[in-house]
Amino acid sequence: MSSKTQTPTRVLFDVPGPKGRRRIWIISVLAVLVFVAAAAGGIYQLWWNYQLLPEKWLPFTQPATLKFFGRGVVGTLLATGVAALFTFPLALALALAREAKNRIVSKVSGAWVEVFRSLPLLLVIYAFMLALPRYGIRFSTFWLLVIPMIISCSATTAEVFRAGLRAVPRGQSEAALSLGMLPKQVSALVIIPQAIRLVAPNLLTQLVSLLKDSTLGYVVSYFDLMHQGQLFSAQANSYIQTYFLIALIYIAINIVLTRVADRWRERRN
């Protein structure tokens, strides 16, 4: 096989022969059949339990219901937006601190990242909700959700920024220093902008992760989308319809975020 016809997949894996292709085709067909059968079985169970009746779905077309869930959407977006506003600068600062020459600064930043990257977000929320009030430290329901989100996501996002900082060629900083720029200027004007551009797709992933983390707002009774759905489903006894609607809303929000990020990258390029 010539080098011109090699692809990354062919380099990593052997090209399947006739028997291999036949086996892959059979497995794919069986997987599709299993999925279709499971979906058909689920729909049949919903129909058998009268969950597909029109009157079960009519309440979700009422303006009062849409307004009720709209309040939850606003709460979710507000928590996600504020958390992102603090998370990304903090994560960048942690990444820079971990790459600093000062060992104390580097170790403290590394400890923050390793500890909070390992802890579940729910555990951090419980610490703010149950442990800190015993020492007189109290927050509103909004900050009981947002501050743990910032702490937890900043640890994982810091590693994203750190990877971007290390991916910038060293020649960039050497060339800037040779032009007479100070180290701080090199970092702020040369290294950081290129690192952010390199990790932009990963930052979108972190933003989506923040959006999903906001679903834990029900733990602190914050009026996010999940909390509103929990209240509505308990009152209307329509759990399937409610959480199906919530799933569609989250999918729509993620699609919008992805489209906005794609257009931003196109304009930057």
C-alpha atoms as a PDB file:
ATOM      1  CA  MET A   1       0.000   0.000   0.000  1.00  0.00           C
ATOM      2  CA  SER A   2       1.460   3.339  -1.014  1.00  0.00           C
ATOM      3  CA  SER A   3       1.804   6.175   1.465  1.00  0.00           C
ATOM      4  CA  LYS A   4      -0.604   8.273  -0.603  1.00  0.00           C
ATOM      5  CA  THR A   5      -3.474   5.906   0.014  1.00  0.00           C
ATOM      6  CA  GLN A   6      -2.857   5.451   3.735  1.00  0.00           C
ATOM      7  CA  THR A   7      -5.313   7.038   6.144  1.00  0.00           C
ATOM      8  CA  PRO A   8      -4.993   7.417   9.941  1.00  0.00           C
ATOM      9  CA  THR A   9      -7.439   4.534  10.376  1.00  0.00           C
ATOM     10  CA  ARG A  10      -5.439   2.263   8.082  1.00  0.00           C
ATOM     11  CA  VAL A  11      -2.232   3.162   9.880  1.00  0.00           C
ATOM     12  CA  LEU A  12      -3.704   2.290  13.282  1.00  0.00           C
ATOM     13  CA  PHE A  13      -5.785  -0.728  12.271  1.00  0.00           C
ATOM     14  CA  ASP A  14      -5.547  -3.450   9.652  1.00  0.00           C
ATOM     15  CA  VAL A  15      -8.014  -3.210   6.787  1.00  0.00           C
ATOM     16  CA  PRO A  16     -10.657  -5.973   7.312  1.00  0.00           C
ATOM     17  CA  GLY A  17     -10.840  -8.684   4.697  1.00  0.00           C
ATOM     18  CA  PRO A  18     -13.989 -10.162   3.137  1.00  0.00           C
ATOM     19  CA  LYS A  19     -14.836 -12.224   6.241  1.00  0.00           C
ATOM     20  CA  GLY A  20     -14.154  -9.276   8.518  1.00  0.00           C
ATOM     21  CA  ARG A  21     -16.367  -6.962   6.483  1.00  0.00           C
ATOM     22  CA  ARG A  22     -19.132  -9.571   6.453  1.00  0.00           C
ATOM     23  CA  ARG A  23     -18.853  -9.940  10.221  1.00  0.00           C
ATOM     24  CA  ILE A  24     -18.985  -6.166  10.732  1.00  0.00           C
ATOM     25  CA  TRP A  25     -22.039  -5.940   8.469  1.00  0.00           C
ATOM     26  CA  ILE A  26     -23.853  -8.715  10.370  1.00  0.00           C
ATOM     27  CA  ILE A  27     -23.059  -7.178  13.759  1.00  0.00           C
ATOM     28  CA  SER A  28     -24.219  -3.743  12.547  1.00  0.00           C
ATOM     29  CA  VAL A  29     -27.520  -5.149  11.257  1.00  0.00           C
ATOM     30  CA  LEU A  30     -28.095  -7.039  14.515  1.00  0.00           C
ATOM     31  CA  ALA A  31     -27.343  -3.911  16.563  1.00  0.00           C
ATOM     32  CA  VAL A  32     -29.853  -1.887  14.522  1.00  0.00           C
ATOM     33  CA  LEU A  33     -32.485  -4.613  14.898  1.00  0.00           C
ATOM     34  CA  VAL A  34     -31.945  -4.746  18.673  1.00  0.00           C
ATOM     35  CA  PHE A  35     -32.244  -0.958  18.897  1.00  0.00           C
ATOM     36  CA  VAL A  36     -35.422  -0.905  16.802  1.00  0.00           C
ATOM     37  CA  ALA A  37     -36.920  -3.745  18.852  1.00  0.00           C
ATOM     38  CA  ALA A  38     -36.105  -1.958  22.129  1.00  0.00           C
ATOM     39  CA  ALA A  39     -37.595   1.306  20.847  1.00  0.00           C
ATOM     40  CA  ALA A  40     -40.729  -0.505  19.616  1.00  0.00           C
ATOM     41  CA  GLY A  41     -41.060  -2.267  22.954  1.00  0.00           C
ATOM     42  CA  GLY A  42     -40.764   1.026  24.828  1.00  0.00           C
ATOM     43  CA  ILE A  43     -43.380   2.700  22.636  1.00  0.00           C
ATOM     44  CA  TYR A  44     -45.716  -0.282  23.089  1.00  0.00           C
ATOM     45  CA  GLN A  45     -45.359  -0.065  26.871  1.00  0.00           C
ATOM     46  CA  LEU A  46     -46.157   3.644  26.768  1.00  0.00           C
ATOM     47  CA  TRP A  47     -49.227   2.956  24.636  1.00  0.00           C
ATOM     48  CA  TRP A  48     -50.336   0.073  26.884  1.00  0.00           C
ATOM     49  CA  ASN A  49     -50.105   2.330  29.951  1.00  0.00           C
ATOM     50  CA  TYR A  50     -52.065   5.139  28.222  1.00  0.00           C
ATOM     51  CA  GLN A  51     -49.049   7.482  28.214  1.00  0.00           C
ATOM     52  CA  LEU A  52     -49.447   8.381  24.535  1.00  0.00           C
ATOM     53  CA  LEU A  53     -52.992   9.715  24.866  1.00  0.00           C
ATOM     54  CA  PRO A  54     -53.341  13.290  23.552  1.00  0.00           C
ATOM     55  CA  GLU A  55     -54.737  14.553  26.859  1.00  0.00           C
ATOM     56  CA  LYS A  56     -51.466  13.546  28.535  1.00  0.00           C
ATOM     57  CA  TRP A  57     -49.575  15.964  26.293  1.00  0.00           C
ATOM     58  CA  LEU A  58     -52.092  18.810  26.034  1.00  0.00           C
ATOM     59  CA  PRO A  59     -51.004  20.535  29.295  1.00  0.00           C
ATOM     60  CA  PHE A  60     -47.588  21.163  27.741  1.00  0.00           C
ATOM     61  CA  THR A  61     -49.159  23.366  25.072  1.00  0.00           C
ATOM     62  CA  GLN A  62     -50.742  25.710  27.622  1.00  0.00           C
ATOM     63  CA  PRO A  63     -49.138  29.168  28.049  1.00  0.00           C
ATOM     64  CA  ALA A  64     -49.029  28.806  31.839  1.00  0.00           C
ATOM     65  CA  THR A  65     -47.089  25.534  31.571  1.00  0.00           C
ATOM     66  CA  LEU A  66     -44.670  26.941  29.009  1.00  0.00           C
ATOM     67  CA  LYS A  67     -44.104  29.986  31.216  1.00  0.00           C
ATOM     68  CA  PHE A  68     -43.460  27.697  34.190  1.00  0.00           C
ATOM     69  CA  PHE A  69     -40.794  25.741  32.288  1.00  0.00           C
ATOM     70  CA  GLY A  70     -39.461  28.942  30.725  1.00  0.00           C
ATOM     71  CA  ARG A  71     -38.634  30.179  34.216  1.00  0.00           C
ATOM     72  CA  GLY A  72     -36.626  27.001  34.703  1.00  0.00           C
ATOM     73  CA  VAL A  73     -34.776  27.550  31.417  1.00  0.00           C
ATOM     74  CA  VAL A  74     -33.867  31.085  32.520  1.00  0.00           C
ATOM     75  CA  GLY A  75     -32.604  29.746  35.841  1.00  0.00           C
ATOM     76  CA  THR A  76     -30.503  27.083  34.133  1.00  0.00           C
ATOM     77  CA  LEU A  77     -28.970  29.523  31.660  1.00  0.00           C
ATOM     78  CA  LEU A  78     -28.316  32.073  34.410  1.00  0.00           C
ATOM     79  CA  ALA A  79     -26.486  29.552  36.592  1.00  0.00           C
ATOM     80  CA  THR A  80     -24.510  28.221  33.619  1.00  0.00           C
ATOM     81  CA  GLY A  81     -23.601  31.694  32.351  1.00  0.00           C
ATOM     82  CA  VAL A  82     -22.440  33.027  35.725  1.00  0.00           C
ATOM     83  CA  ALA A  83     -20.499  29.833  36.427  1.00  0.00           C
ATOM     84  CA  ALA A  84     -18.777  30.061  33.028  1.00  0.00           C
ATOM     85  CA  LEU A  85     -17.996  33.752  33.607  1.00  0.00           C
ATOM     86  CA  PHE A  86     -15.940  32.839  36.675  1.00  0.00           C
ATOM     87  CA  THR A  87     -14.778  29.342  35.713  1.00  0.00           C
ATOM     88  CA  PHE A  88     -12.812  30.123  32.550  1.00  0.00           C
ATOM     89  CA  PRO A  89     -10.690  32.994  33.972  1.00  0.00           C
ATOM     90  CA  LEU A  90     -10.059  30.995  37.164  1.00  0.00           C
ATOM     91  CA  ALA A  91      -9.099  27.916  35.136  1.00  0.00           C
ATOM     92  CA  LEU A  92      -6.697  29.945  33.005  1.00  0.00           C
ATOM     93  CA  ALA A  93      -5.136  31.413  36.146  1.00  0.00           C
ATOM     94  CA  LEU A  94      -4.735  27.921  37.607  1.00  0.00           C
ATOM     95  CA  ALA A  95      -3.117  26.672  34.398  1.00  0.00           C
ATOM     96  CA  LEU A  96      -0.669  29.594  34.354  1.00  0.00           C
ATOM     97  CA  ALA A  97       0.079  29.092  38.034  1.00  0.00           C
ATOM     98  CA  ARG A  98       0.753  25.394  37.508  1.00  0.00           C
ATOM     99  CA  GLU A  99       3.227  26.261  34.748  1.00  0.00           C
ATOM    100  CA  ALA A 100       4.896  28.944  36.895  1.00  0.00           C
ATOM    101  CA  LYS A 101       8.554  28.613  37.870  1.00  0.00           C
ATOM    102  CA  ASN A 102       7.690  29.270  41.519  1.00  0.00           C
ATOM    103  CA  ARG A 103       7.346  25.776  43.007  1.00  0.00           C
ATOM    104  CA  ILE A 104       4.991  26.843  45.812  1.00  0.00           C
ATOM    105  CA  VAL A 105       2.568  28.485  43.379  1.00  0.00           C
ATOM    106  CA  SER A 106       2.792  25.487  41.060  1.00  0.00           C
ATOM    107  CA  LYS A 107       2.193  22.975  43.872  1.00  0.00           C
ATOM    108  CA  VAL A 108      -0.788  24.882  45.309  1.00  0.00           C
ATOM    109  CA  SER A 109      -2.401  25.135  41.878  1.00  0.00           C
ATOM    110  CA  GLY A 110      -1.681  21.462  41.205  1.00  0.00           C
ATOM    111  CA  ALA A 111      -3.253  20.475  44.532  1.00  0.00           C
ATOM    112  CA  TRP A 112      -6.401  22.464  43.701  1.00  0.00           C
ATOM    113  CA  VAL A 113      -6.681  20.781  40.309  1.00  0.00           C
ATOM    114  CA  GLU A 114      -6.030  17.250  41.548  1.00  0.00           C
ATOM    115  CA  VAL A 115      -8.368  17.487  44.552  1.00  0.00           C
ATOM    116  CA  PHE A 116     -11.398  19.092  42.921  1.00  0.00           C
ATOM    117  CA  ARG A 117     -10.975  17.152  39.688  1.00  0.00           C
ATOM    118  CA  SER A 118     -11.327  13.968  41.728  1.00  0.00           C
ATOM    119  CA  LEU A 119     -14.308  15.003  43.873  1.00  0.00           C
ATOM    120  CA  PRO A 120     -17.863  14.576  42.537  1.00  0.00           C
ATOM    121  CA  LEU A 121     -19.693  17.874  42.123  1.00  0.00           C
ATOM    122  CA  LEU A 122     -22.545  16.593  44.294  1.00  0.00           C
ATOM    123  CA  LEU A 123     -20.136  16.091  47.198  1.00  0.00           C
ATOM    124  CA  VAL A 124     -18.901  19.686  46.882  1.00  0.00           C
ATOM    125  CA  ILE A 125     -22.511  20.921  46.833  1.00  0.00           C
ATOM    126  CA  TYR A 126     -23.266  18.939  50.005  1.00  0.00           C
ATOM    127  CA  ALA A 127     -20.202  20.480  51.660  1.00  0.00           C
ATOM    128  CA  PHE A 128     -21.499  23.982  50.930  1.00  0.00           C
ATOM    129  CA  MET A 129     -25.069  23.094  51.839  1.00  0.00           C
ATOM    130  CA  LEU A 130     -24.536  21.019  55.003  1.00  0.00           C
ATOM    131  CA  ALA A 131     -21.022  21.522  56.354  1.00  0.00           C
ATOM    132  CA  LEU A 132     -20.282  25.234  55.956  1.00  0.00           C
ATOM    133  CA  PRO A 133     -23.503  26.482  57.647  1.00  0.00           C
ATOM    134  CA  ARG A 134     -22.296  24.841  60.878  1.00  0.00           C
ATOM    135  CA  TYR A 135     -19.465  27.378  60.876  1.00  0.00           C
ATOM    136  CA  GLY A 136     -21.746  30.318  60.111  1.00  0.00           C
ATOM    137  CA  ILE A 137     -21.007  30.393  56.380  1.00  0.00           C
ATOM    138  CA  ARG A 138     -24.244  30.529  54.410  1.00  0.00           C
ATOM    139  CA  PHE A 139     -25.104  31.214  50.766  1.00  0.00           C
ATOM    140  CA  SER A 140     -28.286  31.697  48.804  1.00  0.00           C
ATOM    141  CA  THR A 141     -29.602  28.768  46.755  1.00  0.00           C
ATOM    142  CA  PHE A 142     -28.125  30.316  43.603  1.00  0.00           C
ATOM    143  CA  TRP A 143     -24.584  30.454  44.965  1.00  0.00           C
ATOM    144  CA  LEU A 144     -24.964  27.068  46.673  1.00  0.00           C
ATOM    145  CA  LEU A 145     -25.139  25.689  43.136  1.00  0.00           C
ATOM    146  CA  VAL A 146     -22.889  28.069  41.213  1.00  0.00           C
ATOM    147  CA  ILE A 147     -19.853  28.192  43.528  1.00  0.00           C
ATOM    148  CA  PRO A 148     -19.415  24.384  43.583  1.00  0.00           C
ATOM    149  CA  MET A 149     -19.858  24.384  39.791  1.00  0.00           C
ATOM    150  CA  ILE A 150     -17.064  26.966  39.487  1.00  0.00           C
ATOM    151  CA  ILE A 151     -14.759  25.071  41.831  1.00  0.00           C
ATOM    152  CA  SER A 152     -15.316  21.683  40.210  1.00  0.00           C
ATOM    153  CA  CYS A 153     -15.232  22.763  36.564  1.00  0.00           C
ATOM    154  CA  SER A 154     -12.258  25.099  37.037  1.00  0.00           C
ATOM    155  CA  ALA A 155     -10.128  22.091  37.990  1.00  0.00           C
ATOM    156  CA  THR A 156     -10.901  20.170  34.788  1.00  0.00           C
ATOM    157  CA  THR A 157     -10.828  23.264  32.566  1.00  0.00           C
ATOM    158  CA  ALA A 158      -7.426  24.231  33.973  1.00  0.00           C
ATOM    159  CA  GLU A 159      -5.984  21.066  32.451  1.00  0.00           C
ATOM    160  CA  VAL A 160      -7.540  22.024  29.098  1.00  0.00           C
ATOM    161  CA  PHE A 161      -5.839  25.427  29.210  1.00  0.00           C
ATOM    162  CA  ARG A 162      -2.605  23.834  30.375  1.00  0.00           C
ATOM    163  CA  ALA A 163      -2.613  21.523  27.371  1.00  0.00           C
ATOM    164  CA  GLY A 164      -3.171  24.533  25.115  1.00  0.00           C
ATOM    165  CA  LEU A 165      -0.300  26.458  26.702  1.00  0.00           C
ATOM    166  CA  ARG A 166       2.050  23.516  26.166  1.00  0.00           C
ATOM    167  CA  ALA A 167       0.861  23.072  22.577  1.00  0.00           C
ATOM    168  CA  VAL A 168       2.058  26.541  21.539  1.00  0.00           C
ATOM    169  CA  PRO A 169       5.481  26.139  19.865  1.00  0.00           C
ATOM    170  CA  ARG A 170       8.352  27.355  22.021  1.00  0.00           C
ATOM    171  CA  GLY A 171       9.698  29.280  19.067  1.00  0.00           C
ATOM    172  CA  GLN A 172       6.775  31.713  19.413  1.00  0.00           C
ATOM    173  CA  SER A 173       7.897  32.886  22.847  1.00  0.00           C
ATOM    174  CA  GLU A 174      11.568  32.888  21.858  1.00  0.00           C
ATOM    175  CA  ALA A 175      10.816  35.057  18.835  1.00  0.00           C
ATOM    176  CA  ALA A 176       8.783  37.484  20.947  1.00  0.00           C
ATOM    177  CA  LEU A 177      11.546  37.725  23.552  1.00  0.00           C
ATOM    178  CA  SER A 178      14.107  38.398  20.830  1.00  0.00           C
ATOM    179  CA  LEU A 179      11.983  41.383  19.741  1.00  0.00           C
ATOM    180  CA  GLY A 180      12.371  42.897  23.214  1.00  0.00           C
ATOM    181  CA  MET A 181       9.029  41.913  24.725  1.00  0.00           C
ATOM    182  CA  LEU A 182       8.871  41.271  28.459  1.00  0.00           C
ATOM    183  CA  PRO A 183       7.930  37.751  29.679  1.00  0.00           C
ATOM    184  CA  LYS A 184       4.548  39.006  30.916  1.00  0.00           C
ATOM    185  CA  GLN A 185       3.864  40.591  27.530  1.00  0.00           C
ATOM    186  CA  VAL A 186       4.827  37.381  25.758  1.00  0.00           C
ATOM    187  CA  SER A 187       2.433  35.410  27.935  1.00  0.00           C
ATOM    188  CA  ALA A 188      -0.473  37.862  27.578  1.00  0.00           C
ATOM    189  CA  LEU A 189      -0.091  38.806  23.910  1.00  0.00           C
ATOM    190  CA  VAL A 190       1.462  35.727  22.281  1.00  0.00           C
ATOM    191  CA  ILE A 191       1.049  32.517  24.267  1.00  0.00           C
ATOM    192  CA  ILE A 192      -2.410  32.856  25.860  1.00  0.00           C
ATOM    193  CA  PRO A 193      -4.303  33.972  22.701  1.00  0.00           C
ATOM    194  CA  GLN A 194      -2.855  31.081  20.697  1.00  0.00           C
ATOM    195  CA  ALA A 195      -3.575  28.595  23.497  1.00  0.00           C
ATOM    196  CA  ILE A 196      -7.199  29.724  23.724  1.00  0.00           C
ATOM    197  CA  ARG A 197      -7.599  29.362  19.968  1.00  0.00           C
ATOM    198  CA  LEU A 198      -6.164  25.841  20.115  1.00  0.00           C
ATOM    199  CA  VAL A 199      -8.477  24.652  22.904  1.00  0.00           C
ATOM    200  CA  ALA A 200     -11.630  26.511  21.807  1.00  0.00           C
ATOM    201  CA  PRO A 201     -13.504  23.277  20.879  1.00  0.00           C
ATOM    202  CA  ASN A 202     -12.644  21.800  24.277  1.00  0.00           C
ATOM    203  CA  LEU A 203     -13.910  24.934  25.998  1.00  0.00           C
ATOM    204  CA  LEU A 204     -17.266  24.372  24.308  1.00  0.00           C
ATOM    205  CA  THR A 205     -17.264  20.875  25.804  1.00  0.00           C
ATOM    206  CA  GLN A 206     -16.601  22.375  29.232  1.00  0.00           C
ATOM    207  CA  LEU A 207     -19.465  24.833  28.739  1.00  0.00           C
ATOM    208  CA  VAL A 208     -21.810  21.960  27.902  1.00  0.00           C
ATOM    209  CA  SER A 209     -20.506  20.176  30.998  1.00  0.00           C
ATOM    210  CA  LEU A 210     -21.410  23.228  33.077  1.00  0.00           C
ATOM    211  CA  LEU A 211     -24.884  23.207  31.563  1.00  0.00           C
ATOM    212  CA  LYS A 212     -25.345  19.582  32.575  1.00  0.00           C
ATOM    213  CA  ASP A 213     -23.888  20.241  36.029  1.00  0.00           C
ATOM    214  CA  SER A 214     -26.610  22.825  36.592  1.00  0.00           C
ATOM    215  CA  THR A 215     -29.140  19.964  36.684  1.00  0.00           C
ATOM    216  CA  LEU A 216     -28.018  19.402  40.284  1.00  0.00           C
ATOM    217  CA  GLY A 217     -29.829  22.598  41.191  1.00  0.00           C
ATOM    218  CA  TYR A 218     -32.740  20.525  42.450  1.00  0.00           C
ATOM    219  CA  VAL A 219     -30.517  19.428  45.369  1.00  0.00           C
ATOM    220  CA  VAL A 220     -30.488  22.979  46.750  1.00  0.00           C
ATOM    221  CA  SER A 221     -34.030  23.776  45.501  1.00  0.00           C
ATOM    222  CA  TYR A 222     -32.747  26.242  42.927  1.00  0.00           C
ATOM    223  CA  PHE A 223     -35.372  27.048  40.276  1.00  0.00           C
ATOM    224  CA  ASP A 224     -33.556  25.468  37.349  1.00  0.00           C
ATOM    225  CA  LEU A 225     -35.197  23.402  34.624  1.00  0.00           C
ATOM    226  CA  MET A 226     -34.871  20.099  36.471  1.00  0.00           C
ATOM    227  CA  HIS A 227     -36.350  21.552  39.657  1.00  0.00           C
ATOM    228  CA  GLN A 228     -39.295  22.978  37.743  1.00  0.00           C
ATOM    229  CA  GLY A 229     -39.804  19.628  36.047  1.00  0.00           C
ATOM    230  CA  GLN A 230     -39.710  17.851  39.389  1.00  0.00           C
ATOM    231  CA  LEU A 231     -42.416  20.124  40.771  1.00  0.00           C
ATOM    232  CA  PHE A 232     -44.609  19.889  37.669  1.00  0.00           C
ATOM    233  CA  SER A 233     -44.369  16.117  37.297  1.00  0.00           C
ATOM    234  CA  ALA A 234     -45.275  15.593  40.953  1.00  0.00           C
ATOM    235  CA  GLN A 235     -48.352  17.821  40.646  1.00  0.00           C
ATOM    236  CA  ALA A 236     -49.570  16.643  37.233  1.00  0.00           C
ATOM    237  CA  ASN A 237     -48.464  12.978  37.568  1.00  0.00           C
ATOM    238  CA  SER A 238     -46.862  13.162  34.111  1.00  0.00           C
ATOM    239  CA  TYR A 239     -43.275  12.073  34.660  1.00  0.00           C
ATOM    240  CA  ILE A 240     -42.635  10.674  31.187  1.00  0.00           C
ATOM    241  CA  GLN A 241     -44.020  13.699  29.340  1.00  0.00           C
ATOM    242  CA  THR A 242     -42.257  16.160  31.635  1.00  0.00           C
ATOM    243  CA  TYR A 243     -38.790  14.652  31.381  1.00  0.00           C
ATOM    244  CA  PHE A 244     -39.197  14.047  27.659  1.00  0.00           C
ATOM    245  CA  LEU A 245     -39.821  17.786  27.274  1.00  0.00           C
ATOM    246  CA  ILE A 246     -36.847  18.603  29.503  1.00  0.00           C
ATOM    247  CA  ALA A 247     -34.601  16.328  27.425  1.00  0.00           C
ATOM    248  CA  LEU A 248     -35.703  18.100  24.237  1.00  0.00           C
ATOM    249  CA  ILE A 249     -34.959  21.496  25.798  1.00  0.00           C
ATOM    250  CA  TYR A 250     -31.448  20.453  26.832  1.00  0.00           C
ATOM    251  CA  ILE A 251     -30.784  19.032  23.368  1.00  0.00           C
ATOM    252  CA  ALA A 252     -31.986  22.286  21.781  1.00  0.00           C
ATOM    253  CA  ILE A 253     -29.762  24.393  24.063  1.00  0.00           C
ATOM    254  CA  ASN A 254     -26.714  22.251  23.269  1.00  0.00           C
ATOM    255  CA  ILE A 255     -27.414  22.509  19.532  1.00  0.00           C
ATOM    256  CA  VAL A 256     -27.641  26.303  19.810  1.00  0.00           C
ATOM    257  CA  LEU A 257     -24.361  26.444  21.776  1.00  0.00           C
ATOM    258  CA  THR A 258     -22.646  24.298  19.164  1.00  0.00           C
ATOM    259  CA  ARG A 259     -23.928  26.433  16.276  1.00  0.00           C
ATOM    260  CA  VAL A 260     -22.859  29.652  17.995  1.00  0.00           C
ATOM    261  CA  ALA A 261     -19.391  28.224  18.670  1.00  0.00           C
ATOM    262  CA  ASP A 262     -19.050  27.046  15.049  1.00  0.00           C
ATOM    263  CA  ARG A 263     -19.951  30.474  13.695  1.00  0.00           C
ATOM    264  CA  TRP A 264     -17.540  32.122  16.132  1.00  0.00           C
ATOM    265  CA  ARG A 265     -14.716  29.877  14.935  1.00  0.00           C
ATOM    266  CA  GLU A 266     -15.578  30.589  11.284  1.00  0.00           C
ATOM    267  CA  ARG A 267     -15.375  34.325  11.884  1.00  0.00           C
ATOM    268  CA  ARG A 268     -12.105  33.964  13.804  1.00  0.00           C
ATOM    269  CA  ASN A 269     -10.595  31.973  10.959  1.00  0.00           C
END
